[in-house]
Amino acid sequence: MPDTPRRVRFAPDTVLQVIDGDALILKLQHETVFSLNETGARIAELIATGKTIHEIVETLAAEYDRSRDDLERDVRDLVTALLSRGLLVAAGEHDG
Protein backbone atom coordinates (compact mmCIF):
# COMPACT_ATOMS: atom_id res chain seq x y z
CA MET A 1 0.00 0.00 0.00
CA PRO A 2 1.73 3.15 -1.13
CA ASP A 3 -0.29 5.38 1.22
CA THR A 4 1.13 3.72 4.36
CA PRO A 5 3.58 6.12 6.04
CA ARG A 6 7.24 5.15 6.02
CA ARG A 7 7.39 5.49 9.81
CA VAL A 8 4.66 5.60 12.45
CA ARG A 9 4.53 6.14 16.18
CA PHE A 10 1.93 5.61 18.85
CA ALA A 11 -0.48 8.48 19.37
CA PRO A 12 0.29 10.63 22.44
CA ASP A 13 -2.76 9.37 24.38
CA THR A 14 -1.96 5.72 23.66
CA VAL A 15 -0.24 3.20 25.92
CA LEU A 16 1.31 -0.10 24.77
CA GLN A 17 1.35 -2.92 27.32
CA VAL A 18 2.93 -6.28 26.42
CA ILE A 19 1.94 -9.18 28.68
CA ASP A 20 3.10 -12.77 28.11
CA GLY A 21 3.81 -12.12 24.43
CA ASP A 22 0.45 -10.52 23.67
CA ALA A 23 -0.12 -6.78 23.60
CA LEU A 24 -2.81 -4.36 24.60
CA ILE A 25 -2.94 -0.88 23.15
CA LEU A 26 -4.96 1.48 25.31
CA LYS A 27 -6.43 4.68 23.86
CA LEU A 28 -6.80 6.72 27.03
CA GLN A 29 -8.92 9.55 25.67
CA HIS A 30 -11.60 7.19 24.33
CA GLU A 31 -11.06 4.41 26.88
CA THR A 32 -10.71 1.81 24.15
CA VAL A 33 -8.51 -1.29 24.11
CA PHE A 34 -7.04 -3.03 21.07
CA SER A 35 -5.47 -6.46 21.60
CA LEU A 36 -2.74 -8.05 19.51
CA ASN A 37 -1.44 -11.60 19.24
CA GLU A 38 2.25 -12.44 19.58
CA THR A 39 3.20 -11.34 16.06
CA GLY A 40 1.17 -8.14 16.36
CA ALA A 41 2.78 -7.49 19.72
CA ARG A 42 6.23 -7.86 18.15
CA ILE A 43 5.28 -5.39 15.41
CA ALA A 44 4.01 -2.96 18.08
CA GLU A 45 7.26 -3.29 20.03
CA LEU A 46 9.25 -2.50 16.89
CA ILE A 47 7.04 0.51 16.14
CA ALA A 48 7.68 1.73 19.68
CA THR A 49 11.44 1.61 19.06
CA GLY A 50 11.05 4.00 16.11
CA LYS A 51 11.85 1.56 13.30
CA THR A 52 10.56 2.28 9.80
CA ILE A 53 8.04 -0.06 8.19
CA HIS A 54 10.87 -1.47 6.04
CA GLU A 55 13.06 -2.04 9.13
CA ILE A 56 10.18 -3.79 10.90
CA VAL A 57 9.68 -6.14 7.94
CA GLU A 58 13.42 -6.87 7.79
CA THR A 59 13.55 -7.60 11.53
CA LEU A 60 10.55 -9.93 11.32
CA ALA A 61 12.02 -11.70 8.28
CA ALA A 62 15.08 -12.52 10.39
CA GLU A 63 12.91 -13.77 13.29
CA TYR A 64 10.11 -15.66 11.52
CA ASP A 65 10.10 -18.29 8.79
CA ARG A 66 7.77 -16.37 6.45
CA SER A 67 8.15 -14.62 3.13
CA ARG A 68 8.96 -10.91 3.11
CA ASP A 69 5.87 -10.30 0.96
CA ASP A 70 3.61 -11.93 3.55
CA LEU A 71 5.30 -10.07 6.39
CA GLU A 72 5.10 -6.74 4.59
CA ARG A 73 1.40 -7.25 3.91
CA ASP A 74 0.75 -8.18 7.55
CA VAL A 75 2.71 -5.18 8.86
CA ARG A 76 0.98 -2.76 6.50
CA ASP A 77 -2.46 -4.23 7.30
CA LEU A 78 -1.86 -3.84 11.03
CA VAL A 79 -0.44 -0.32 10.65
CA THR A 80 -3.43 0.69 8.52
CA ALA A 81 -5.85 -0.73 11.12
CA LEU A 82 -4.09 1.07 13.98
CA LEU A 83 -3.90 4.33 12.03
CA SER A 84 -7.63 4.17 11.25
CA ARG A 85 -8.40 3.78 14.97
CA GLY A 86 -6.17 6.71 15.95
CA LEU A 87 -3.75 4.47 17.84
CA LEU A 88 -0.86 5.33 15.52
CA VAL A 89 0.09 8.55 13.78
CA ALA A 90 2.50 9.17 10.92
CA ALA A 91 5.91 10.12 12.28
CA GLY A 92 8.21 12.66 10.68
CA GLU A 93 11.72 11.63 9.78
CA HIS A 94 13.12 13.56 12.75
CA ASP A 95 10.53 12.65 15.40
CA GLY A 96 12.05 11.30 18.56
C-alpha atoms as a PDB file:
ATOM      1  CA  MET A   1       0.000   0.000   0.000  1.00  0.00           C
ATOM      2  CA  PRO A   2       1.726   3.151  -1.127  1.00  0.00           C
ATOM      3  CA  ASP A   3      -0.287   5.384   1.219  1.00  0.00           C
ATOM      4  CA  THR A   4       1.132   3.721   4.361  1.00  0.00           C
ATOM      5  CA  PRO A   5       3.578   6.121   6.040  1.00  0.00           C
ATOM      6  CA  ARG A   6       7.241   5.150   6.025  1.00  0.00           C
ATOM      7  CA  ARG A   7       7.395   5.486   9.811  1.00  0.00           C
ATOM      8  CA  VAL A   8       4.664   5.598  12.446  1.00  0.00           C
ATOM      9  CA  ARG A   9       4.532   6.136  16.181  1.00  0.00           C
ATOM     10  CA  PHE A  10       1.928   5.609  18.854  1.00  0.00           C
ATOM     11  CA  ALA A  11      -0.482   8.479  19.371  1.00  0.00           C
ATOM     12  CA  PRO A  12       0.291  10.629  22.441  1.00  0.00           C
ATOM     13  CA  ASP A  13      -2.759   9.368  24.383  1.00  0.00           C
ATOM     14  CA  THR A  14      -1.965   5.716  23.658  1.00  0.00           C
ATOM     15  CA  VAL A  15      -0.240   3.197  25.916  1.00  0.00           C
ATOM     16  CA  LEU A  16       1.305  -0.099  24.769  1.00  0.00           C
ATOM     17  CA  GLN A  17       1.347  -2.923  27.320  1.00  0.00           C
ATOM     18  CA  VAL A  18       2.935  -6.283  26.422  1.00  0.00           C
ATOM     19  CA  ILE A  19       1.938  -9.183  28.676  1.00  0.00           C
ATOM     20  CA  ASP A  20       3.104 -12.766  28.110  1.00  0.00           C
ATOM     21  CA  GLY A  21       3.808 -12.120  24.429  1.00  0.00           C
ATOM     22  CA  ASP A  22       0.449 -10.517  23.668  1.00  0.00           C
ATOM     23  CA  ALA A  23      -0.124  -6.782  23.596  1.00  0.00           C
ATOM     24  CA  LEU A  24      -2.812  -4.361  24.602  1.00  0.00           C
ATOM     25  CA  ILE A  25      -2.938  -0.884  23.150  1.00  0.00           C
ATOM     26  CA  LEU A  26      -4.956   1.480  25.311  1.00  0.00           C
ATOM     27  CA  LYS A  27      -6.428   4.680  23.856  1.00  0.00           C
ATOM     28  CA  LEU A  28      -6.796   6.716  27.028  1.00  0.00           C
ATOM     29  CA  GLN A  29      -8.916   9.549  25.668  1.00  0.00           C
ATOM     30  CA  HIS A  30     -11.597   7.191  24.334  1.00  0.00           C
ATOM     31  CA  GLU A  31     -11.060   4.406  26.883  1.00  0.00           C
ATOM     32  CA  THR A  32     -10.707   1.807  24.148  1.00  0.00           C
ATOM     33  CA  VAL A  33      -8.514  -1.286  24.110  1.00  0.00           C
ATOM     34  CA  PHE A  34      -7.042  -3.034  21.066  1.00  0.00           C
ATOM     35  CA  SER A  35      -5.473  -6.455  21.601  1.00  0.00           C
ATOM     36  CA  LEU A  36      -2.737  -8.046  19.506  1.00  0.00           C
ATOM     37  CA  ASN A  37      -1.436 -11.597  19.238  1.00  0.00           C
ATOM     38  CA  GLU A  38       2.253 -12.441  19.581  1.00  0.00           C
ATOM     39  CA  THR A  39       3.202 -11.341  16.062  1.00  0.00           C
ATOM     40  CA  GLY A  40       1.167  -8.144  16.358  1.00  0.00           C
ATOM     41  CA  ALA A  41       2.780  -7.493  19.724  1.00  0.00           C
ATOM     42  CA  ARG A  42       6.228  -7.860  18.153  1.00  0.00           C
ATOM     43  CA  ILE A  43       5.280  -5.388  15.414  1.00  0.00           C
ATOM     44  CA  ALA A  44       4.010  -2.959  18.079  1.00  0.00           C
ATOM     45  CA  GLU A  45       7.259  -3.287  20.033  1.00  0.00           C
ATOM     46  CA  LEU A  46       9.252  -2.497  16.887  1.00  0.00           C
ATOM     47  CA  ILE A  47       7.038   0.506  16.141  1.00  0.00           C
ATOM     48  CA  ALA A  48       7.679   1.728  19.684  1.00  0.00           C
ATOM     49  CA  THR A  49      11.444   1.610  19.063  1.00  0.00           C
ATOM     50  CA  GLY A  50      11.054   3.999  16.112  1.00  0.00           C
ATOM     51  CA  LYS A  51      11.846   1.564  13.303  1.00  0.00           C
ATOM     52  CA  THR A  52      10.559   2.280   9.801  1.00  0.00           C
ATOM     53  CA  ILE A  53       8.039  -0.058   8.189  1.00  0.00           C
ATOM     54  CA  HIS A  54      10.871  -1.472   6.041  1.00  0.00           C
ATOM     55  CA  GLU A  55      13.064  -2.042   9.126  1.00  0.00           C
ATOM     56  CA  ILE A  56      10.184  -3.789  10.895  1.00  0.00           C
ATOM     57  CA  VAL A  57       9.680  -6.145   7.937  1.00  0.00           C
ATOM     58  CA  GLU A  58      13.423  -6.874   7.790  1.00  0.00           C
ATOM     59  CA  THR A  59      13.547  -7.599  11.528  1.00  0.00           C
ATOM     60  CA  LEU A  60      10.548  -9.926  11.320  1.00  0.00           C
ATOM     61  CA  ALA A  61      12.023 -11.702   8.281  1.00  0.00           C
ATOM     62  CA  ALA A  62      15.081 -12.525  10.391  1.00  0.00           C
ATOM     63  CA  GLU A  63      12.914 -13.766  13.286  1.00  0.00           C
ATOM     64  CA  TYR A  64      10.107 -15.663  11.516  1.00  0.00           C
ATOM     65  CA  ASP A  65      10.100 -18.294   8.790  1.00  0.00           C
ATOM     66  CA  ARG A  66       7.771 -16.374   6.453  1.00  0.00           C
ATOM     67  CA  SER A  67       8.154 -14.621   3.131  1.00  0.00           C
ATOM     68  CA  ARG A  68       8.956 -10.910   3.114  1.00  0.00           C
ATOM     69  CA  ASP A  69       5.865 -10.303   0.957  1.00  0.00           C
ATOM     70  CA  ASP A  70       3.609 -11.931   3.554  1.00  0.00           C
ATOM     71  CA  LEU A  71       5.302 -10.071   6.392  1.00  0.00           C
ATOM     72  CA  GLU A  72       5.104  -6.744   4.592  1.00  0.00           C
ATOM     73  CA  ARG A  73       1.400  -7.251   3.906  1.00  0.00           C
ATOM     74  CA  ASP A  74       0.752  -8.181   7.554  1.00  0.00           C
ATOM     75  CA  VAL A  75       2.714  -5.181   8.865  1.00  0.00           C
ATOM     76  CA  ARG A  76       0.981  -2.761   6.501  1.00  0.00           C
ATOM     77  CA  ASP A  77      -2.458  -4.225   7.297  1.00  0.00           C
ATOM     78  CA  LEU A  78      -1.857  -3.836  11.035  1.00  0.00           C
ATOM     79  CA  VAL A  79      -0.437  -0.323  10.654  1.00  0.00           C
ATOM     80  CA  THR A  80      -3.427   0.686   8.518  1.00  0.00           C
ATOM     81  CA  ALA A  81      -5.851  -0.727  11.119  1.00  0.00           C
ATOM     82  CA  LEU A  82      -4.090   1.071  13.981  1.00  0.00           C
ATOM     83  CA  LEU A  83      -3.899   4.333  12.029  1.00  0.00           C
ATOM     84  CA  SER A  84      -7.628   4.175  11.251  1.00  0.00           C
ATOM     85  CA  ARG A  85      -8.395   3.777  14.975  1.00  0.00           C
ATOM     86  CA  GLY A  86      -6.175   6.705  15.949  1.00  0.00           C
ATOM     87  CA  LEU A  87      -3.748   4.470  17.840  1.00  0.00           C
ATOM     88  CA  LEU A  88      -0.864   5.330  15.521  1.00  0.00           C
ATOM     89  CA  VAL A  89       0.086   8.549  13.780  1.00  0.00           C
ATOM     90  CA  ALA A  90       2.496   9.172  10.924  1.00  0.00           C
ATOM     91  CA  ALA A  91       5.912  10.122  12.275  1.00  0.00           C
ATOM     92  CA  GLY A  92       8.210  12.656  10.684  1.00  0.00           C
ATOM     93  CA  GLU A  93      11.722  11.633   9.779  1.00  0.00           C
ATOM     94  CA  HIS A  94      13.118  13.559  12.748  1.00  0.00           C
ATOM     95  CA  ASP A  95      10.534  12.650  15.403  1.00  0.00           C
ATOM     96  CA  GLY A  96      12.048  11.303  18.557  1.00  0.00           C
END
